[in-house]
Amino acid sequence: MTSIIESEFGQPVDAVFGSFDPVPLAAASIGQVHAATLRDGTPVVVKVQRPGVIDQIEQDLQILNTLATNARRRWPVADEYDVVGLVHEFSHTLRAETDYIQEGRNAERFSANFVGDETVYFPRVFWEETTNRVLTLERIDGIKVDDLAALEAAGLDRSRVAVNGARMVLKMVFRDRFFHADPHAGNFFIQPGERIGVVDFGMVGTVGPRVQEQLVWTLLAFTSEDPDRQVDALYELGVAGRHIDRAALKRDVEHLRARYYGRPVGEIAIRPLVNDVLGVVRRHRLHLPAGYALLLKTVLMHENLVTRLDPSFEFTAVLVPYARGMMVRHFSPIGWGRSLGQAGIDLARLGLELPQQLRRLLSSLERGDAEFAIRPSGFDPLLRRLERIANRVVLGIVAAAFVVALAVLLSAYHVRSDPQTGAILIAGLVLASVVGLYVAWSILRSGRP
């Protein structure tokens, strides 16, 4: 790893850091973390990227994308669950982890979002000792969040730590729309005062305003007693498709709620819960849109950490007041004013751009560059029926013409005196009879169910 540092800074490791421990504190597939000090003696941790890891990642992602594309073509379920979209989201997240400059910016963004909050701490970034492949951060001390015995020995309140952790992730998702997406136990250190020190900012996620609003409505729906609102929330999130049996889905949602709602997390057996949820997913072919996969994983991992800290912790005790507070802020005069202001900007922009867009459209129509095709797909059965009726009318007219022509010929010629003419007339009569019978049969057949 020292060779990576020397190539990045163009000088020996001793010239960049006051000290550098070659034995890593932690190691992962992308990089390793080493203890070090700056030239002035400040304790830091240095994250160094492994050689050749970017090329290996690109090869693996290409294989995943090929497999997902083939699965979508050959397996309808893969297309329905948007495996290609899931691979794209995973690829974007993984590539972001290889950019240590961006990771440093993520750390500073979290620090800015939680400024003044004494329950969470984020390390400082030392930019002079940071490049795309080397990241230098302030060293954070503390007890790992999953070392329960050490937390007890230090006299720290585990239930208070659980509350602080739950509030942290709720603020990230519902207030800041920017969340830490790799919340495993090694990335959280508990400090005096139940403060949570957070590290590793390579994997992050963002939440759009529309998604944020949908999530708040979903939380409020699932904390209410109205199963119809809960099913509506699934439709709103895009989890439930158009062809799902709503009544059956509602019954299953009511069953899950009656079985698990209001119970402390520590009293719920994970395996039966997962089996029940997956059973509902399979029966109704529910699927999670690609944009929600990273968020769901993050929330579940956070809940697992909170449960280990305090098995009696009820996540809804923190979640419901937070969601309701979000709704109050959303529908407050300030929230309405912000929405109206944005709508006014959009309307003004539309008013400025509309004449120019109409001018371009009219010019394209005059030059013949644009064509409009209207296909009323809803009228296809009616159009086919009208076409069949028209065909029968034409055949009926032809048959009637044959009959009239034969009558005229019979009145003008003597069949007995001219055998050849008689054969022609008989053949015409037979043909007209066949056509008439076909028209009659077609009409009678069209009336059958």
Protein backbone atom coordinates (compact mmCIF):
# COMPACT_ATOMS: atom_id res chain seq x y z
CA MET A 1 0.00 0.00 0.00
CA THR A 2 2.93 2.36 0.53
CA SER A 3 3.61 2.20 -3.20
CA ILE A 4 0.09 3.54 -3.89
CA ILE A 5 0.68 6.47 -1.52
CA GLU A 6 4.07 7.24 -3.07
CA SER A 7 2.64 7.14 -6.60
CA GLU A 8 -0.30 9.36 -5.65
CA PHE A 9 1.76 12.05 -3.90
CA GLY A 10 4.99 11.65 -5.84
CA GLN A 11 7.10 11.43 -2.68
CA PRO A 12 7.93 8.90 0.04
CA VAL A 13 5.40 8.00 2.69
CA ASP A 14 7.59 9.60 5.38
CA ALA A 15 7.33 12.91 3.57
CA VAL A 16 3.50 12.77 3.56
CA PHE A 17 2.81 11.41 7.06
CA GLY A 18 4.65 11.69 10.33
CA SER A 19 4.09 7.99 10.93
CA PHE A 20 2.34 5.23 9.04
CA ASP A 21 1.48 1.76 10.33
CA PRO A 22 1.82 -0.76 7.47
CA VAL A 23 -0.41 -3.24 9.33
CA PRO A 24 -4.02 -2.34 8.42
CA LEU A 25 -6.67 -1.62 11.04
CA ALA A 26 -9.33 -2.96 8.69
CA ALA A 27 -9.36 -4.44 5.21
CA ALA A 28 -12.05 -4.75 2.56
CA SER A 29 -12.27 -5.70 -1.10
CA ILE A 30 -11.71 -2.14 -2.34
CA GLY A 31 -9.20 -0.74 0.14
CA GLN A 32 -7.44 -0.94 3.49
CA VAL A 33 -7.43 1.43 6.47
CA HIS A 34 -4.16 2.22 8.23
CA ALA A 35 -3.38 4.17 11.39
CA ALA A 36 -1.10 7.15 10.85
CA THR A 37 -0.22 10.62 12.10
CA LEU A 38 0.21 13.84 10.20
CA ARG A 39 3.48 15.75 10.16
CA ASP A 40 2.23 17.79 13.13
CA GLY A 41 1.34 14.65 15.15
CA THR A 42 -2.44 14.70 14.55
CA PRO A 43 -3.77 11.10 14.71
CA VAL A 44 -5.52 10.08 11.48
CA VAL A 45 -6.66 7.03 9.55
CA VAL A 46 -5.58 6.57 5.94
CA LYS A 47 -7.76 4.66 3.51
CA VAL A 48 -5.72 3.29 0.59
CA GLN A 49 -7.22 1.72 -2.51
CA ARG A 50 -6.00 -1.70 -3.62
CA PRO A 51 -4.02 -1.89 -6.89
CA GLY A 52 -6.06 -2.96 -9.92
CA VAL A 53 -9.37 -2.94 -8.04
CA ILE A 54 -11.12 -0.59 -10.50
CA ASP A 55 -10.41 -2.84 -13.51
CA GLN A 56 -11.64 -5.88 -11.57
CA ILE A 57 -14.83 -4.07 -10.55
CA GLU A 58 -15.57 -3.04 -14.14
CA GLN A 59 -15.16 -6.63 -15.34
CA ASP A 60 -17.47 -7.96 -12.64
CA LEU A 61 -20.09 -5.29 -13.33
CA GLN A 62 -19.99 -6.08 -17.05
CA ILE A 63 -20.66 -9.75 -16.29
CA LEU A 64 -23.54 -8.82 -13.98
CA ASN A 65 -25.06 -6.53 -16.59
CA THR A 66 -24.83 -9.23 -19.28
CA LEU A 67 -26.48 -11.80 -17.02
CA ALA A 68 -29.25 -9.37 -16.07
CA THR A 69 -29.89 -8.45 -19.71
CA ASN A 70 -30.11 -12.09 -20.78
CA ALA A 71 -32.36 -12.91 -17.85
CA ARG A 72 -34.72 -10.09 -18.79
CA ARG A 73 -34.99 -11.39 -22.37
CA ARG A 74 -35.56 -15.03 -21.47
CA TRP A 75 -37.35 -14.86 -18.12
CA PRO A 76 -40.46 -12.67 -17.81
CA VAL A 77 -40.14 -12.54 -14.01
CA ALA A 78 -36.70 -10.92 -14.34
CA ASP A 79 -38.16 -8.23 -16.58
CA GLU A 80 -41.06 -7.69 -14.20
CA TYR A 81 -38.72 -7.21 -11.23
CA ASP A 82 -36.39 -4.94 -13.24
CA VAL A 83 -33.17 -6.83 -12.57
CA VAL A 84 -31.36 -4.61 -15.07
CA GLY A 85 -32.36 -1.53 -13.08
CA LEU A 86 -31.15 -3.16 -9.87
CA VAL A 87 -27.79 -3.94 -11.47
CA HIS A 88 -27.47 -0.36 -12.72
CA GLU A 89 -28.19 0.99 -9.24
CA PHE A 90 -25.66 -1.39 -7.70
CA SER A 91 -23.07 -0.43 -10.33
CA HIS A 92 -23.52 3.26 -9.66
CA THR A 93 -23.13 2.73 -5.92
CA LEU A 94 -20.06 0.52 -6.27
CA ARG A 95 -18.28 2.87 -8.67
CA ALA A 96 -18.87 5.76 -6.29
CA GLU A 97 -17.00 3.82 -3.57
CA THR A 98 -13.81 3.90 -5.66
CA ASP A 99 -13.69 7.72 -5.76
CA TYR A 100 -12.10 8.84 -2.49
CA ILE A 101 -12.42 12.54 -3.36
CA GLN A 102 -16.19 12.07 -3.50
CA GLU A 103 -16.11 10.10 -0.27
CA GLY A 104 -14.41 13.02 1.43
CA ARG A 105 -17.10 15.37 0.14
CA ASN A 106 -19.74 12.98 1.47
CA ALA A 107 -18.15 13.14 4.94
CA GLU A 108 -18.21 16.93 4.89
CA ARG A 109 -21.81 16.96 3.73
CA PHE A 110 -22.85 14.75 6.65
CA SER A 111 -20.95 17.02 9.03
CA ALA A 112 -22.78 20.05 7.66
CA ASN A 113 -26.16 18.32 7.92
CA PHE A 114 -25.60 17.42 11.58
CA VAL A 115 -23.91 20.61 12.71
CA GLY A 116 -25.03 21.42 16.27
CA ASP A 117 -26.24 17.85 16.90
CA GLU A 118 -24.35 16.48 19.90
CA THR A 119 -25.57 12.91 19.42
CA VAL A 120 -23.69 12.23 16.16
CA TYR A 121 -20.09 12.97 15.13
CA PHE A 122 -18.39 12.82 11.73
CA PRO A 123 -14.60 12.96 11.24
CA ARG A 124 -12.73 15.82 9.64
CA VAL A 125 -11.22 15.39 6.16
CA PHE A 126 -7.55 16.34 5.60
CA TRP A 127 -7.58 17.37 1.96
CA GLU A 128 -3.84 17.96 1.56
CA GLU A 129 -3.28 14.26 2.27
CA THR A 130 -6.19 13.06 0.13
CA THR A 131 -6.34 11.99 -3.54
CA ASN A 132 -8.63 9.81 -5.68
CA ARG A 133 -7.01 6.68 -4.21
CA VAL A 134 -5.92 7.87 -0.76
CA LEU A 135 -8.31 9.34 1.85
CA THR A 136 -7.11 10.78 5.13
CA LEU A 137 -9.64 11.29 7.94
CA GLU A 138 -9.55 12.26 11.58
CA ARG A 139 -9.20 9.19 13.78
CA ILE A 140 -12.34 8.46 15.79
CA ASP A 141 -12.11 6.63 19.11
CA GLY A 142 -14.93 4.77 20.77
CA ILE A 143 -16.54 1.40 21.42
CA LYS A 144 -17.91 -0.56 18.50
CA VAL A 145 -21.68 -0.51 18.49
CA ASP A 146 -21.95 -4.31 18.60
CA ASP A 147 -19.59 -4.72 21.58
CA LEU A 148 -22.41 -4.86 24.12
CA ALA A 149 -20.22 -6.01 27.02
CA ALA A 150 -17.86 -3.05 26.56
CA LEU A 151 -20.80 -0.65 26.37
CA GLU A 152 -22.16 -2.01 29.63
CA ALA A 153 -18.73 -1.84 31.28
CA ALA A 154 -18.34 1.78 30.21
CA GLY A 155 -21.69 2.65 31.78
CA LEU A 156 -23.26 3.73 28.49
CA ASP A 157 -27.05 3.60 28.12
CA ARG A 158 -27.71 1.17 25.26
CA SER A 159 -31.35 2.19 24.91
CA ARG A 160 -30.29 5.82 24.55
CA VAL A 161 -27.77 4.84 21.89
CA ALA A 162 -30.58 3.00 20.07
CA VAL A 163 -32.77 6.12 20.12
CA ASN A 164 -29.91 8.28 18.84
CA GLY A 165 -29.24 5.81 16.04
CA ALA A 166 -32.88 5.67 15.00
CA ARG A 167 -33.17 9.45 14.96
CA MET A 168 -29.96 9.72 12.97
CA VAL A 169 -31.19 7.51 10.11
CA LEU A 170 -34.63 9.15 10.10
CA LYS A 171 -33.06 12.59 9.79
CA MET A 172 -30.80 11.40 6.98
CA VAL A 173 -33.67 9.93 4.96
CA PHE A 174 -36.60 12.22 5.72
CA ARG A 175 -34.96 15.56 6.41
CA ASP A 176 -31.65 15.65 4.55
CA ARG A 177 -32.51 13.15 1.76
CA PHE A 178 -28.87 11.97 1.94
CA PHE A 179 -28.10 8.83 3.92
CA HIS A 180 -25.23 6.56 4.94
CA ALA A 181 -25.87 3.35 2.99
CA ASP A 182 -23.36 1.00 4.63
CA PRO A 183 -24.48 0.89 8.28
CA HIS A 184 -22.71 -2.25 9.48
CA ALA A 185 -21.40 -2.45 13.02
CA GLY A 186 -17.80 -1.65 12.09
CA ASN A 187 -18.74 1.83 10.90
CA PHE A 188 -20.18 3.10 14.21
CA PHE A 189 -18.26 3.90 17.39
CA ILE A 190 -20.03 4.87 20.62
CA GLN A 191 -18.39 7.71 22.51
CA PRO A 192 -19.07 9.21 25.97
CA GLY A 193 -22.52 10.73 26.27
CA GLU A 194 -23.96 8.03 23.96
CA ARG A 195 -22.64 9.98 20.96
CA ILE A 196 -22.31 7.98 17.74
CA GLY A 197 -19.14 8.39 15.69
CA VAL A 198 -19.64 7.47 12.04
CA VAL A 199 -16.99 6.39 9.50
CA ASP A 200 -16.83 5.05 5.91
CA PHE A 201 -18.73 7.34 3.54
CA GLY A 202 -18.13 5.63 0.22
CA MET A 203 -21.61 4.12 -0.06
CA VAL A 204 -24.30 6.78 0.25
CA GLY A 205 -27.80 7.21 -1.10
CA THR A 206 -30.06 10.09 -2.00
CA VAL A 207 -33.83 10.47 -1.85
CA GLY A 208 -35.71 12.69 -4.28
CA PRO A 209 -38.41 15.09 -3.03
CA ARG A 210 -41.19 13.03 -4.60
CA VAL A 211 -39.87 9.78 -3.12
CA GLN A 212 -39.50 11.48 0.26
CA GLU A 213 -43.15 12.56 0.21
CA GLN A 214 -44.27 9.06 -0.82
CA LEU A 215 -42.28 7.49 2.02
CA VAL A 216 -43.81 9.84 4.59
CA TRP A 217 -47.32 9.01 3.38
CA THR A 218 -46.44 5.30 3.50
CA LEU A 219 -45.19 5.54 7.07
CA LEU A 220 -48.31 7.36 8.16
CA ALA A 221 -50.48 4.79 6.37
CA PHE A 222 -48.80 1.83 8.06
CA THR A 223 -49.05 3.43 11.48
CA SER A 224 -52.77 4.00 11.03
CA GLU A 225 -55.65 1.55 11.47
CA ASP A 226 -56.86 1.87 7.88
CA PRO A 227 -55.81 -1.07 5.66
CA ASP A 228 -57.16 0.67 2.55
CA ARG A 229 -54.67 3.49 3.06
CA GLN A 230 -51.91 0.94 3.48
CA VAL A 231 -52.73 -0.75 0.18
CA ASP A 232 -52.99 2.66 -1.49
CA ALA A 233 -49.50 3.42 -0.20
CA LEU A 234 -48.14 0.26 -1.86
CA TYR A 235 -49.69 1.32 -5.16
CA GLU A 236 -48.29 4.83 -4.75
CA LEU A 237 -44.78 3.51 -4.15
CA GLY A 238 -45.02 1.36 -7.28
CA VAL A 239 -44.66 -1.86 -5.28
CA ALA A 240 -48.05 -3.22 -6.38
CA GLY A 241 -48.86 -3.55 -10.08
CA ARG A 242 -52.10 -2.81 -11.87
CA HIS A 243 -53.28 -6.41 -12.16
CA ILE A 244 -53.06 -7.30 -8.47
CA ASP A 245 -56.11 -8.54 -6.59
CA ARG A 246 -56.61 -5.59 -4.27
CA ALA A 247 -59.00 -7.35 -1.91
CA ALA A 248 -56.63 -10.29 -1.41
CA LEU A 249 -53.65 -7.97 -0.88
CA LYS A 250 -55.64 -6.01 1.68
CA ARG A 251 -56.43 -9.21 3.61
CA ASP A 252 -52.76 -10.19 3.69
CA VAL A 253 -51.69 -6.73 4.84
CA GLU A 254 -54.28 -6.84 7.64
CA HIS A 255 -52.99 -10.27 8.68
CA LEU A 256 -49.38 -9.05 8.87
CA ARG A 257 -50.37 -5.98 10.83
CA ALA A 258 -52.46 -7.97 13.33
CA ARG A 259 -49.62 -10.41 13.85
CA TYR A 260 -46.67 -8.05 14.28
CA TYR A 261 -47.73 -4.44 14.84
CA GLY A 262 -47.11 -3.00 18.30
CA ARG A 263 -44.77 -5.77 19.45
CA PRO A 264 -41.23 -4.91 20.55
CA VAL A 265 -38.68 -5.80 17.90
CA GLY A 266 -36.87 -8.12 20.28
CA GLU A 267 -39.97 -10.28 20.67
CA ILE A 268 -40.39 -10.86 16.94
CA ALA A 269 -38.76 -13.96 15.46
CA ILE A 270 -37.00 -12.87 12.30
CA ARG A 271 -37.40 -16.08 10.28
CA PRO A 272 -41.23 -16.30 10.56
CA LEU A 273 -41.50 -12.58 9.81
CA VAL A 274 -39.33 -12.87 6.69
CA ASN A 275 -41.25 -15.95 5.55
CA ASP A 276 -44.60 -14.18 6.01
CA VAL A 277 -43.47 -11.10 4.12
CA LEU A 278 -41.92 -13.12 1.29
CA GLY A 279 -45.11 -15.17 1.08
CA VAL A 280 -47.13 -12.00 0.46
CA VAL A 281 -44.56 -10.83 -2.08
CA ARG A 282 -44.75 -14.11 -4.01
CA ARG A 283 -48.55 -14.41 -3.92
CA HIS A 284 -49.12 -10.92 -5.25
CA ARG A 285 -45.93 -10.63 -7.33
CA LEU A 286 -44.92 -7.45 -5.57
CA HIS A 287 -41.65 -5.86 -6.56
CA LEU A 288 -39.48 -3.07 -5.21
CA PRO A 289 -38.60 -0.34 -7.71
CA ALA A 290 -34.86 -0.07 -8.30
CA GLY A 291 -34.54 3.30 -6.61
CA TYR A 292 -35.78 1.91 -3.29
CA ALA A 293 -33.49 -1.13 -2.98
CA LEU A 294 -30.54 0.68 -1.40
CA LEU A 295 -32.80 2.60 0.95
CA LEU A 296 -34.60 -0.55 2.14
CA LYS A 297 -31.31 -2.32 2.77
CA THR A 298 -30.06 0.65 4.79
CA VAL A 299 -33.18 0.88 6.95
CA LEU A 300 -33.16 -2.87 7.66
CA MET A 301 -29.49 -2.81 8.64
CA HIS A 302 -30.09 0.16 10.94
CA GLU A 303 -33.03 -1.60 12.55
CA ASN A 304 -30.87 -4.67 13.11
CA LEU A 305 -28.26 -2.58 14.93
CA VAL A 306 -30.91 -0.87 17.03
CA THR A 307 -32.43 -4.24 17.94
CA ARG A 308 -29.09 -5.60 19.10
CA LEU A 309 -28.59 -2.55 21.29
CA ASP A 310 -32.05 -2.70 22.83
CA PRO A 311 -34.24 -5.76 22.06
CA SER A 312 -37.25 -4.02 23.64
CA PHE A 313 -36.88 -0.95 21.41
CA GLU A 314 -40.03 -0.08 19.42
CA PHE A 315 -38.98 1.65 16.22
CA THR A 316 -42.47 3.05 15.73
CA ALA A 317 -42.11 5.04 18.96
CA VAL A 318 -39.56 7.23 17.16
CA LEU A 319 -40.87 6.78 13.64
CA VAL A 320 -44.48 7.93 14.05
CA PRO A 321 -43.78 11.31 15.69
CA TYR A 322 -41.06 11.98 13.12
CA ALA A 323 -43.34 11.17 10.16
CA ARG A 324 -46.14 13.31 11.57
CA GLY A 325 -43.72 16.18 12.13
CA MET A 326 -42.68 15.86 8.50
CA MET A 327 -46.30 16.14 7.39
CA VAL A 328 -46.85 19.19 9.59
CA ARG A 329 -43.83 20.88 8.03
CA HIS A 330 -44.92 19.83 4.55
CA PHE A 331 -48.39 21.33 4.92
CA SER A 332 -47.35 24.36 6.95
CA PRO A 333 -47.68 27.84 5.42
CA ILE A 334 -43.94 27.83 4.79
CA GLY A 335 -44.18 24.48 2.99
CA TRP A 336 -47.13 25.65 0.92
CA GLY A 337 -45.31 28.87 0.11
CA ARG A 338 -42.24 26.95 -1.05
CA SER A 339 -44.38 24.70 -3.24
CA LEU A 340 -46.30 27.63 -4.72
CA GLY A 341 -43.05 29.45 -5.35
CA GLN A 342 -41.63 26.49 -7.24
CA ALA A 343 -44.90 26.13 -9.18
CA GLY A 344 -44.70 29.82 -10.11
CA ILE A 345 -41.14 29.35 -11.39
CA ASP A 346 -42.21 26.33 -13.46
CA LEU A 347 -45.19 28.24 -14.87
CA ALA A 348 -43.04 31.23 -15.78
CA ARG A 349 -40.54 28.96 -17.47
CA LEU A 350 -43.32 27.27 -19.41
CA GLY A 351 -44.68 30.65 -20.51
CA LEU A 352 -41.26 31.69 -21.81
CA GLU A 353 -40.47 28.43 -23.59
CA LEU A 354 -43.92 27.58 -25.01
CA PRO A 355 -43.96 30.11 -27.94
CA GLN A 356 -40.53 28.93 -29.09
CA GLN A 357 -41.51 25.27 -28.87
CA LEU A 358 -44.74 25.92 -30.80
CA ARG A 359 -42.78 27.77 -33.48
CA ARG A 360 -40.46 24.81 -33.91
CA LEU A 361 -43.39 22.40 -34.11
CA LEU A 362 -45.20 24.45 -36.75
CA SER A 363 -42.01 24.77 -38.80
CA SER A 364 -41.51 21.00 -38.68
CA LEU A 365 -45.09 20.44 -39.81
CA GLU A 366 -44.72 22.85 -42.72
CA ARG A 367 -41.52 21.14 -43.88
CA GLY A 368 -43.12 17.71 -43.51
CA ASP A 369 -40.52 16.62 -40.94
CA ALA A 370 -43.15 15.63 -38.40
CA GLU A 371 -46.01 13.20 -38.72
CA PHE A 372 -48.78 12.37 -36.29
CA ALA A 373 -50.32 8.93 -36.06
CA ILE A 374 -53.34 8.25 -33.90
CA ARG A 375 -54.20 4.65 -33.17
CA PRO A 376 -57.29 4.24 -31.00
CA SER A 377 -56.32 0.87 -29.54
CA GLY A 378 -59.45 0.78 -27.42
CA PHE A 379 -61.59 0.73 -30.59
CA ASP A 380 -59.82 -2.23 -32.24
CA PRO A 381 -62.56 -4.79 -31.46
CA LEU A 382 -65.26 -2.42 -32.77
CA LEU A 383 -63.29 -1.67 -35.93
CA ARG A 384 -62.78 -5.38 -36.63
CA ARG A 385 -66.51 -6.02 -36.19
CA LEU A 386 -67.40 -3.16 -38.53
CA GLU A 387 -64.95 -4.56 -41.08
CA ARG A 388 -66.60 -7.99 -40.94
CA ILE A 389 -70.05 -6.43 -41.34
CA ALA A 390 -68.88 -4.46 -44.38
CA ASN A 391 -67.46 -7.60 -45.96
CA ARG A 392 -70.77 -9.42 -45.49
CA VAL A 393 -72.70 -6.51 -47.00
CA VAL A 394 -70.40 -6.57 -50.05
CA LEU A 395 -70.85 -10.32 -50.46
CA GLY A 396 -74.60 -9.94 -50.10
CA ILE A 397 -74.65 -7.26 -52.81
CA VAL A 398 -72.58 -9.52 -55.10
CA ALA A 399 -74.93 -12.46 -54.50
CA ALA A 400 -77.97 -10.26 -55.17
CA ALA A 401 -76.33 -9.02 -58.37
CA PHE A 402 -75.83 -12.61 -59.48
CA VAL A 403 -79.48 -13.43 -58.84
CA VAL A 404 -80.73 -10.34 -60.67
CA ALA A 405 -78.37 -11.01 -63.60
CA LEU A 406 -79.54 -14.61 -63.82
CA ALA A 407 -83.18 -13.52 -63.81
CA VAL A 408 -82.49 -11.11 -66.65
CA LEU A 409 -80.62 -13.80 -68.59
CA LEU A 410 -83.41 -16.32 -68.06
CA SER A 411 -85.95 -13.89 -69.37
CA ALA A 412 -83.82 -13.01 -72.42
CA TYR A 413 -82.61 -16.46 -73.48
CA HIS A 414 -84.25 -19.83 -74.00
CA VAL A 415 -82.26 -22.39 -72.02
CA ARG A 416 -83.68 -25.46 -73.86
CA SER A 417 -82.78 -24.14 -77.32
CA ASP A 418 -79.16 -23.37 -76.33
CA PRO A 419 -77.56 -26.03 -74.07
CA GLN A 420 -74.29 -24.05 -73.67
CA THR A 421 -76.11 -20.97 -72.43
CA GLY A 422 -78.14 -23.15 -70.09
CA ALA A 423 -74.92 -24.58 -68.54
CA ILE A 424 -73.56 -21.09 -67.96
CA LEU A 425 -76.79 -19.96 -66.32
CA ILE A 426 -76.92 -23.04 -64.09
CA ALA A 427 -73.28 -22.48 -63.01
CA GLY A 428 -74.07 -18.85 -62.22
CA LEU A 429 -77.11 -19.91 -60.19
CA VAL A 430 -75.03 -22.39 -58.20
CA LEU A 431 -72.33 -19.76 -57.52
CA ALA A 432 -74.90 -17.19 -56.40
CA SER A 433 -76.50 -19.81 -54.12
CA VAL A 434 -73.11 -20.64 -52.55
CA VAL A 435 -72.33 -16.97 -51.91
CA GLY A 436 -75.78 -16.42 -50.43
CA LEU A 437 -75.47 -19.45 -48.17
CA TYR A 438 -72.04 -18.28 -46.97
CA VAL A 439 -73.40 -14.83 -46.11
CA ALA A 440 -76.31 -16.36 -44.23
CA TRP A 441 -74.01 -18.76 -42.33
CA SER A 442 -71.62 -15.93 -41.43
CA ILE A 443 -74.46 -13.79 -40.07
CA LEU A 444 -75.85 -16.67 -38.00
CA ARG A 445 -72.37 -17.54 -36.66
CA SER A 446 -71.64 -13.95 -35.58
CA GLY A 447 -74.69 -14.01 -33.33
CA ARG A 448 -73.40 -16.99 -31.29
CA PRO A 449 -71.61 -16.35 -27.95
